[in-house]
């Protein structure tokens, strides 16, 4: 990839400003406050966009710093570049309310999709983290950040396992962890629901069992009471039977006398009727008729009284017998309720068993969580082993670059898994803090360039520096520029010093000689 032209429509202090670049090393000279860092930031913004942050972070974010001085609402630019023999154009509107990005191939007129990775594909898969930690060095910021270690681990694992960057190990692990979190949440929700349902069923079970115990107690008490009543009933029955026998004997005698009296009265009434028929005086007939009617009426009354006394004797029931009957009915009611409660209890126990059986589904989810954990650990272990092997290659490349730019003063560096640098010398292993600032910048330069070579195995990307060599003396700068000339990459070198241009001309004269 080679940047051909920048069209800064409205960005920072620049408005309608065009800059062109050529192959090889481009030195963009300008004194302080002339806008070199703005152009440097513009290139990064064109490639990756600029997002507006929120809250306090928005006060000093890149968006606020690079917002146009005039007409902040119009915040846009164009960058033209060459890649794979074709010329492309990126158009961006950075305004947070009208954000837009277009990628157009000027060679064949095709419009590509930045959102779905077409631009990153043209950049050899380089993302923003890898970009700013390798080929894009800002002023006073040669040091790499922690993001480079993760990107290198991911890239190395991908490269060694798949032969390309089709697989993203970090993303794969994140996906597995997200799936693990989802399974954990699902299991927790199921467990909570099951526990709540079990608690509700258990409360009902306890209540029904308490009701059954209460009914059983009533049944036991009622049975005892019924036995007592029946015992009383039996005793009262004997006494009442004796009493009734005496009363019946007396009543029988009285009824017998009443029946004899009734016979006499009926006989007398019959004689009166007969005499009334035989005798002729009318008054006598009437008197005898009235007498006969009264006699018959009295006989009817006494007969009815007799039957009533007989019926009373037959219908007598003791109080104990009545209470006993009520108790039988009550015990029958209790027995029916007990049956209903026992059926309900069995149903609740079955429901409880069904809910407990659902735990098998939760166990399956737990097995999935454990399987995902094993998969994550396996990928991490494999990735770690692959990283160790690939890191050796990175160490060799970075050491070769450092050897060249330091003129053999430092020939070997070592990077651990967290990208912590150690410098190997014939006498001892040094930490970064033990070397000068200039040497430290050279070490980070070697690390960045070695990582860039690892990431960009195909087409080269432009190397972009913003006053990155301020701490270099002239010999260090000359050796570094020589290395950049041999790198066969496009170099955009922003500087406020003229010595870079002078040293580059000296190198070119030496090469011509």
Foldseek 3Di string as FASTA:
>chain_A
DFWAKKQFCFKAADHRDMDGADFFEDEAADAPPPCLVRVLVVVLCQLANADQDDDPCNVDGPLVNTQGPPPSQFGWIKIWGDFPNWIKMWTFGRRPVDTDIWIATPVVGDTDDVVVPPSCVSVLVDDSLLCDLFQRDEAPRLDHDLVLLQVLLQLLLCCVPPVGNPDGLVVVLVVLVVVLVVLVVVLVVLVVVLVVVLVVLVVVLVVLVVVLVVLVVVLVVLVVVLVVLVVVQVVVVVVVVVVLVVVVVVLVVVLVVLVVVLVVLQVQLVVLCVVLVVDDDPVSVVVSPVSSVVSVVVSVVSVVVSVVVVVVSVPDDDPSVVVSVVSVVVSVVSVVVSVVSVVVSVVSVVVSVVSVVCVVVSVVSVVSSVVSVVVSVVSVVSSVVSSVVVQVVLQQQLLCQLCQLVVNPFRGWHQDSSRQIWTDDPPDIHGLVPDDPQSSSSSSNSSSPSSQCSSPVDDHAEREYANSNVVPDLSSLLSNSVVSSVVSHYYYHYYNDCSNVVSVVVVVVVVVD
